[in-house]
C-alpha cells in the first residue's frame, strides 16, 4: 500500500548557499507558494529552521515555480520572435513575388510590342 506524502513530508533537496545566487527580481514578480501552518507538523517546521541556520538552503517549491515561470516567459518570447520572423519572411517573399510578376508583365508587354514591330517590318520587306 502506498502512502501519499504531503508537501512538508517530502525529502528536501539541499543546495549550497554558494552555488546559486538568489534572483530577487524574479522572486518578487511572482507570488511565493505558502503552506498553511496546520499542514506542517512542529517537527517539520523546526527541521526547516534548523537546516537554514546550518548554512544550507532547502529547495523551495516556489523557487521551482519561479524558475519554471522564467523559462516559460523566455520560451514564449522566443516563440513570438520566431513566428514574427516567419511572418516577416513570408511578407518579404510576397513583396518579391509582386515585383517579379510586375517585371514579368512588363517583359511580356515589351515582347508583344517587338513581335508586332518584327511582323510589321517583315510585311514591309515583302512589298
N, C-alpha and C. Protein backbone atom coordinates (compact mmCIF):
# COMPACT_ATOMS: atom_id res chain seq x y z
N UNK A 1 0.86 -1.18 0.00
CA UNK A 1 0.00 0.00 0.00
C UNK A 1 0.90 1.23 0.00
N UNK A 2 0.61 2.20 -0.86
CA UNK A 2 1.41 3.42 -0.97
C UNK A 2 0.81 4.52 -0.11
N UNK A 3 1.69 5.22 0.55
CA UNK A 3 1.24 6.34 1.37
C UNK A 3 1.51 7.64 0.62
N UNK A 4 0.54 8.48 0.54
CA UNK A 4 0.69 9.78 -0.13
C UNK A 4 1.27 10.75 0.87
N UNK A 5 2.37 11.36 0.47
CA UNK A 5 3.01 12.31 1.37
C UNK A 5 2.63 13.73 0.99
N UNK A 6 2.49 14.55 1.98
CA UNK A 6 2.17 15.96 1.76
C UNK A 6 3.43 16.74 1.43
N UNK A 7 3.31 18.04 1.11
CA UNK A 7 4.46 18.83 0.71
C UNK A 7 5.52 18.95 1.80
N UNK A 8 5.15 18.91 3.07
CA UNK A 8 6.12 19.04 4.14
C UNK A 8 6.85 17.75 4.44
N UNK A 9 6.33 16.60 4.00
CA UNK A 9 6.95 15.34 4.36
C UNK A 9 7.86 14.81 3.26
N UNK A 10 8.03 15.54 2.17
CA UNK A 10 8.90 15.10 1.11
C UNK A 10 10.35 15.29 1.54
N UNK A 11 11.23 14.46 1.03
CA UNK A 11 12.64 14.59 1.35
C UNK A 11 13.18 15.83 0.67
N UNK A 12 13.73 16.76 1.41
CA UNK A 12 14.18 18.00 0.81
C UNK A 12 15.48 17.82 0.05
N UNK A 13 15.62 18.54 -1.06
CA UNK A 13 16.89 18.60 -1.76
C UNK A 13 17.65 19.78 -1.19
N UNK A 14 18.88 19.56 -0.82
CA UNK A 14 19.66 20.63 -0.23
C UNK A 14 20.65 21.15 -1.26
N UNK A 15 20.81 22.45 -1.26
CA UNK A 15 21.82 23.06 -2.13
C UNK A 15 22.69 23.95 -1.27
N UNK A 16 23.88 24.18 -1.72
CA UNK A 16 24.82 25.02 -1.01
C UNK A 16 24.50 26.47 -1.28
N UNK A 17 24.65 27.32 -0.29
CA UNK A 17 24.38 28.75 -0.45
C UNK A 17 25.25 29.37 -1.53
N UNK A 18 26.45 28.85 -1.72
CA UNK A 18 27.39 29.46 -2.64
C UNK A 18 27.18 29.04 -4.08
N UNK A 19 26.38 28.04 -4.35
CA UNK A 19 26.25 27.55 -5.70
C UNK A 19 25.43 28.45 -6.59
N UNK A 20 24.32 28.94 -6.14
CA UNK A 20 23.45 29.75 -6.96
C UNK A 20 23.07 31.03 -6.23
N UNK A 21 23.26 32.18 -6.86
CA UNK A 21 22.77 33.41 -6.23
C UNK A 21 21.26 33.47 -6.35
N UNK A 22 20.61 34.06 -5.37
CA UNK A 22 19.16 34.16 -5.45
C UNK A 22 18.79 35.29 -6.39
N UNK A 23 17.73 35.10 -7.12
CA UNK A 23 17.26 36.09 -8.07
C UNK A 23 16.07 36.79 -7.45
N UNK A 24 16.32 37.88 -6.76
CA UNK A 24 15.23 38.54 -6.03
C UNK A 24 14.25 39.22 -6.96
N UNK A 25 14.71 39.70 -8.12
CA UNK A 25 13.78 40.35 -9.06
C UNK A 25 12.73 39.36 -9.54
N UNK A 26 13.18 38.16 -9.94
CA UNK A 26 12.24 37.15 -10.43
C UNK A 26 11.34 36.66 -9.30
N UNK A 27 11.90 36.53 -8.10
CA UNK A 27 11.09 36.05 -6.98
C UNK A 27 10.06 37.08 -6.55
N UNK A 28 10.39 38.37 -6.68
CA UNK A 28 9.44 39.42 -6.30
C UNK A 28 8.28 39.52 -7.27
N UNK A 29 8.51 39.14 -8.55
CA UNK A 29 7.46 39.30 -9.54
C UNK A 29 6.39 38.22 -9.45
N UNK A 30 6.69 37.10 -8.81
CA UNK A 30 5.72 36.01 -8.71
C UNK A 30 5.38 35.76 -7.24
N UNK A 31 4.14 35.39 -6.95
CA UNK A 31 3.77 35.13 -5.55
C UNK A 31 4.47 33.87 -5.04
N UNK A 32 4.92 33.90 -3.82
CA UNK A 32 5.55 32.74 -3.21
C UNK A 32 4.49 31.74 -2.81
N UNK A 33 4.82 30.47 -2.94
CA UNK A 33 3.88 29.42 -2.56
C UNK A 33 3.97 29.24 -1.06
N UNK A 34 2.86 29.36 -0.39
CA UNK A 34 2.83 29.23 1.06
C UNK A 34 1.95 28.06 1.45
N UNK A 35 2.33 27.40 2.52
CA UNK A 35 1.55 26.30 3.05
C UNK A 35 0.95 26.74 4.37
N UNK A 36 -0.30 26.40 4.62
CA UNK A 36 -0.91 26.74 5.90
C UNK A 36 -0.13 26.10 7.04
N UNK A 37 -0.10 26.76 8.20
CA UNK A 37 0.67 26.29 9.35
C UNK A 37 0.21 24.92 9.81
N UNK A 38 -1.08 24.59 9.64
CA UNK A 38 -1.56 23.31 10.15
C UNK A 38 -1.10 22.14 9.28
N UNK A 39 -0.61 22.36 8.07
CA UNK A 39 -0.14 21.26 7.24
C UNK A 39 1.25 20.80 7.65
N UNK A 40 2.02 21.65 8.34
CA UNK A 40 3.35 21.29 8.78
C UNK A 40 3.31 20.88 10.25
N UNK A 41 3.90 19.74 10.53
CA UNK A 41 3.98 19.34 11.93
C UNK A 41 5.07 20.16 12.62
N UNK A 42 5.06 20.25 13.94
CA UNK A 42 6.11 21.01 14.64
C UNK A 42 7.51 20.50 14.32
N UNK A 43 7.66 19.18 14.11
CA UNK A 43 8.97 18.63 13.78
C UNK A 43 9.43 19.14 12.41
N UNK A 44 8.51 19.13 11.46
CA UNK A 44 8.87 19.57 10.11
C UNK A 44 9.23 21.04 10.08
N UNK A 45 8.45 21.87 10.79
CA UNK A 45 8.76 23.30 10.78
C UNK A 45 10.06 23.58 11.51
N UNK A 46 10.37 22.84 12.58
CA UNK A 46 11.64 23.06 13.27
C UNK A 46 12.80 22.54 12.42
N UNK A 47 12.56 21.45 11.66
CA UNK A 47 13.60 20.94 10.77
C UNK A 47 13.96 21.96 9.71
N UNK A 48 12.99 22.65 9.18
CA UNK A 48 13.24 23.67 8.17
C UNK A 48 14.10 24.79 8.74
N UNK A 49 13.75 25.24 9.91
CA UNK A 49 14.52 26.33 10.52
C UNK A 49 15.94 25.89 10.84
N UNK A 50 16.10 24.70 11.37
CA UNK A 50 17.43 24.27 11.76
C UNK A 50 18.32 24.08 10.52
N UNK A 51 17.77 23.63 9.43
CA UNK A 51 18.57 23.46 8.22
C UNK A 51 19.02 24.80 7.67
N UNK A 52 18.19 25.81 7.75
CA UNK A 52 18.58 27.13 7.27
C UNK A 52 19.64 27.73 8.17
N UNK A 53 19.56 27.48 9.46
CA UNK A 53 20.56 28.00 10.39
C UNK A 53 21.91 27.34 10.16
N UNK A 54 21.90 26.10 9.68
CA UNK A 54 23.14 25.37 9.49
C UNK A 54 23.91 25.86 8.28
N UNK A 55 23.39 26.81 7.53
CA UNK A 55 24.10 27.37 6.38
C UNK A 55 23.73 26.74 5.05
N UNK A 56 22.71 25.90 5.01
CA UNK A 56 22.25 25.31 3.75
C UNK A 56 20.81 25.72 3.53
N UNK A 57 20.42 25.71 2.28
CA UNK A 57 19.04 26.06 1.94
C UNK A 57 18.31 24.83 1.45
N UNK A 58 17.09 24.74 1.84
CA UNK A 58 16.22 23.68 1.36
C UNK A 58 15.66 24.12 0.01
N UNK A 59 15.51 23.21 -0.91
CA UNK A 59 14.93 23.55 -2.21
C UNK A 59 13.48 23.94 -1.99
N UNK A 60 13.18 25.18 -2.25
CA UNK A 60 11.85 25.72 -2.02
C UNK A 60 10.99 25.48 -3.25
N UNK A 61 9.77 24.94 -3.11
CA UNK A 61 8.91 24.72 -4.28
C UNK A 61 8.64 26.01 -5.04
N UNK A 62 8.61 27.14 -4.35
CA UNK A 62 8.36 28.40 -5.06
C UNK A 62 9.53 28.75 -5.96
N UNK A 63 10.77 28.32 -5.61
CA UNK A 63 11.92 28.55 -6.48
C UNK A 63 11.72 27.81 -7.80
N UNK A 64 11.21 26.58 -7.72
CA UNK A 64 10.93 25.83 -8.94
C UNK A 64 9.87 26.54 -9.76
N UNK A 65 8.86 27.06 -9.08
CA UNK A 65 7.79 27.77 -9.78
C UNK A 65 8.35 29.02 -10.45
N UNK A 66 9.22 29.74 -9.76
CA UNK A 66 9.82 30.95 -10.33
C UNK A 66 10.67 30.59 -11.52
N UNK A 67 11.51 29.56 -11.38
CA UNK A 67 12.37 29.13 -12.47
C UNK A 67 11.54 28.69 -13.66
N UNK A 68 10.49 27.94 -13.40
CA UNK A 68 9.61 27.49 -14.47
C UNK A 68 8.93 28.67 -15.15
N UNK A 69 8.49 29.64 -14.37
CA UNK A 69 7.83 30.81 -14.94
C UNK A 69 8.80 31.62 -15.79
N UNK A 70 10.02 31.75 -15.33
CA UNK A 70 11.03 32.49 -16.10
C UNK A 70 11.32 31.77 -17.41
N UNK A 71 11.51 30.46 -17.33
CA UNK A 71 11.76 29.67 -18.55
C UNK A 71 10.59 29.76 -19.50
N UNK A 72 9.37 29.68 -18.95
CA UNK A 72 8.18 29.75 -19.79
C UNK A 72 8.08 31.11 -20.48
N UNK A 73 8.38 32.19 -19.71
CA UNK A 73 8.32 33.54 -20.27
C UNK A 73 9.36 33.69 -21.38
N UNK A 74 10.57 33.19 -21.14
CA UNK A 74 11.62 33.27 -22.17
C UNK A 74 11.21 32.48 -23.41
N UNK A 75 10.65 31.28 -23.20
CA UNK A 75 10.23 30.46 -24.32
C UNK A 75 9.10 31.13 -25.09
N UNK A 76 8.18 31.75 -24.38
CA UNK A 76 7.08 32.47 -25.03
C UNK A 76 7.61 33.59 -25.91
N UNK A 77 8.57 34.35 -25.37
CA UNK A 77 9.15 35.46 -26.14
C UNK A 77 9.92 34.92 -27.35
N UNK A 78 10.66 33.85 -27.18
CA UNK A 78 11.40 33.25 -28.29
C UNK A 78 10.43 32.74 -29.36
N UNK A 79 9.33 32.14 -28.94
CA UNK A 79 8.33 31.64 -29.90
C UNK A 79 7.71 32.81 -30.66
N UNK A 80 7.43 33.91 -29.95
CA UNK A 80 6.87 35.08 -30.62
C UNK A 80 7.84 35.63 -31.66
N UNK A 81 9.13 35.73 -31.29
CA UNK A 81 10.14 36.22 -32.25
C UNK A 81 10.24 35.29 -33.44
N UNK A 82 10.21 33.98 -33.19
CA UNK A 82 10.30 33.00 -34.27
C UNK A 82 9.12 33.13 -35.23
N UNK A 83 7.92 33.23 -34.66
CA UNK A 83 6.73 33.38 -35.51
C UNK A 83 6.75 34.68 -36.28
N UNK A 84 7.18 35.78 -35.61
CA UNK A 84 7.25 37.07 -36.29
C UNK A 84 8.27 37.03 -37.42
N UNK A 85 9.39 36.35 -37.18
CA UNK A 85 10.42 36.21 -38.22
C UNK A 85 9.84 35.47 -39.42
N UNK A 86 9.05 34.43 -39.16
CA UNK A 86 8.40 33.69 -40.25
C UNK A 86 7.42 34.57 -41.01
N UNK A 87 6.62 35.35 -40.27
CA UNK A 87 5.66 36.26 -40.93
C UNK A 87 6.39 37.31 -41.75
N UNK A 88 7.49 37.84 -41.21
CA UNK A 88 8.28 38.84 -41.94
C UNK A 88 8.86 38.23 -43.22
N UNK A 89 9.35 37.01 -43.12
CA UNK A 89 9.92 36.33 -44.29
C UNK A 89 8.85 36.10 -45.35
N UNK A 90 7.66 35.70 -44.92
CA UNK A 90 6.56 35.50 -45.88
C UNK A 90 6.20 36.82 -46.55
N UNK A 91 6.11 37.90 -45.77
CA UNK A 91 5.79 39.21 -46.34
C UNK A 91 6.86 39.64 -47.33
N UNK A 92 8.11 39.38 -46.98
CA UNK A 92 9.22 39.72 -47.87
C UNK A 92 9.12 38.93 -49.18
N UNK A 93 8.81 37.64 -49.08
CA UNK A 93 8.67 36.81 -50.27
C UNK A 93 7.47 37.24 -51.12
N UNK A 94 6.36 37.61 -50.46
CA UNK A 94 5.19 38.09 -51.21
C UNK A 94 5.51 39.38 -51.94
N UNK A 95 6.29 40.27 -51.30
CA UNK A 95 6.68 41.52 -51.93
C UNK A 95 7.57 41.22 -53.15
N UNK A 96 8.52 40.30 -52.98
CA UNK A 96 9.40 39.92 -54.09
C UNK A 96 8.59 39.28 -55.22
N UNK A 97 7.58 38.49 -54.87
CA UNK A 97 6.72 37.86 -55.87
C UNK A 97 5.97 38.92 -56.68
N UNK A 98 5.41 39.93 -55.98
CA UNK A 98 4.72 41.02 -56.69
C UNK A 98 5.66 41.75 -57.64
N UNK A 99 6.90 41.99 -57.18
CA UNK A 99 7.88 42.66 -58.04
C UNK A 99 8.19 41.81 -59.27
N UNK A 100 8.38 40.51 -59.06
CA UNK A 100 8.70 39.62 -60.19
C UNK A 100 7.52 39.53 -61.16
N UNK A 101 6.31 39.47 -60.63
CA UNK A 101 5.14 39.42 -61.51
C UNK A 101 5.02 40.70 -62.32
N UNK A 102 5.29 41.84 -61.67
CA UNK A 102 5.25 43.13 -62.37
C UNK A 102 6.31 43.17 -63.47
N UNK A 103 7.52 42.72 -63.13
CA UNK A 103 8.60 42.70 -64.13
C UNK A 103 8.25 41.75 -65.27
N UNK A 104 7.68 40.58 -64.96
CA UNK A 104 7.27 39.62 -65.99
C UNK A 104 6.24 40.23 -66.92
N UNK A 105 5.26 40.93 -66.35
CA UNK A 105 4.22 41.56 -67.18
C UNK A 105 4.81 42.63 -68.08
N UNK A 106 5.76 43.41 -67.54
CA UNK A 106 6.44 44.43 -68.35
C UNK A 106 7.20 43.78 -69.50
N UNK A 107 7.92 42.68 -69.22
CA UNK A 107 8.67 41.99 -70.27
C UNK A 107 7.75 41.37 -71.31
N UNK A 108 6.62 40.83 -70.88
CA UNK A 108 5.65 40.30 -71.85
C UNK A 108 5.13 41.40 -72.78
N UNK A 109 4.89 42.56 -72.19
CA UNK A 109 4.40 43.70 -72.98
C UNK A 109 5.47 44.14 -73.99
N UNK A 110 6.73 44.20 -73.54
CA UNK A 110 7.82 44.57 -74.46
C UNK A 110 7.95 43.54 -75.57
N UNK A 111 7.85 42.26 -75.22
CA UNK A 111 7.93 41.19 -76.21
C UNK A 111 6.81 41.32 -77.24
N UNK A 112 5.61 41.58 -76.77
CA UNK A 112 4.47 41.71 -77.70
C UNK A 112 4.70 42.89 -78.64
N UNK A 113 5.22 44.01 -78.12
CA UNK A 113 5.49 45.19 -78.97
C UNK A 113 6.56 44.87 -80.01
N UNK A 114 7.62 44.18 -79.57
CA UNK A 114 8.71 43.87 -80.51
C UNK A 114 8.26 42.85 -81.54
N UNK A 115 7.46 41.88 -81.12
CA UNK A 115 6.93 40.92 -82.09
C UNK A 115 6.06 41.62 -83.12
N UNK A 116 5.26 42.59 -82.66
CA UNK A 116 4.43 43.36 -83.59
C UNK A 116 5.32 44.18 -84.53
N UNK A 117 6.41 44.75 -84.01
CA UNK A 117 7.33 45.52 -84.84
C UNK A 117 8.01 44.63 -85.87
N UNK A 118 8.44 43.41 -85.44
CA UNK A 118 9.07 42.46 -86.36
C UNK A 118 8.07 42.07 -87.44
N UNK A 119 6.84 41.82 -87.07
CA UNK A 119 5.82 41.44 -88.06
C UNK A 119 5.59 42.59 -89.04
N UNK A 120 5.58 43.82 -88.54
CA UNK A 120 5.38 44.99 -89.43
C UNK A 120 6.57 45.15 -90.36
N UNK A 121 7.81 44.95 -89.87
CA UNK A 121 8.99 45.07 -90.72
C UNK A 121 9.04 43.97 -91.77
N UNK A 122 8.64 42.74 -91.41
CA UNK A 122 8.58 41.64 -92.39
C UNK A 122 7.58 41.95 -93.48
N UNK A 123 6.49 42.53 -93.09
CA UNK A 123 5.44 42.89 -94.07
C UNK A 123 5.97 43.94 -95.02
N UNK A 124 6.77 44.89 -94.48
CA UNK A 124 7.33 45.95 -95.34
C UNK A 124 8.35 45.36 -96.32
N UNK A 125 9.12 44.33 -95.90
CA UNK A 125 10.10 43.70 -96.78
C UNK A 125 9.44 42.91 -97.91
N UNK A 126 8.30 42.37 -97.67
CA UNK A 126 7.60 41.58 -98.67
C UNK A 126 7.08 42.46 -99.80
N UNK A 127 6.87 43.70 -99.56
CA UNK A 127 6.29 44.57 -100.59
C UNK A 127 7.26 45.02 -101.55
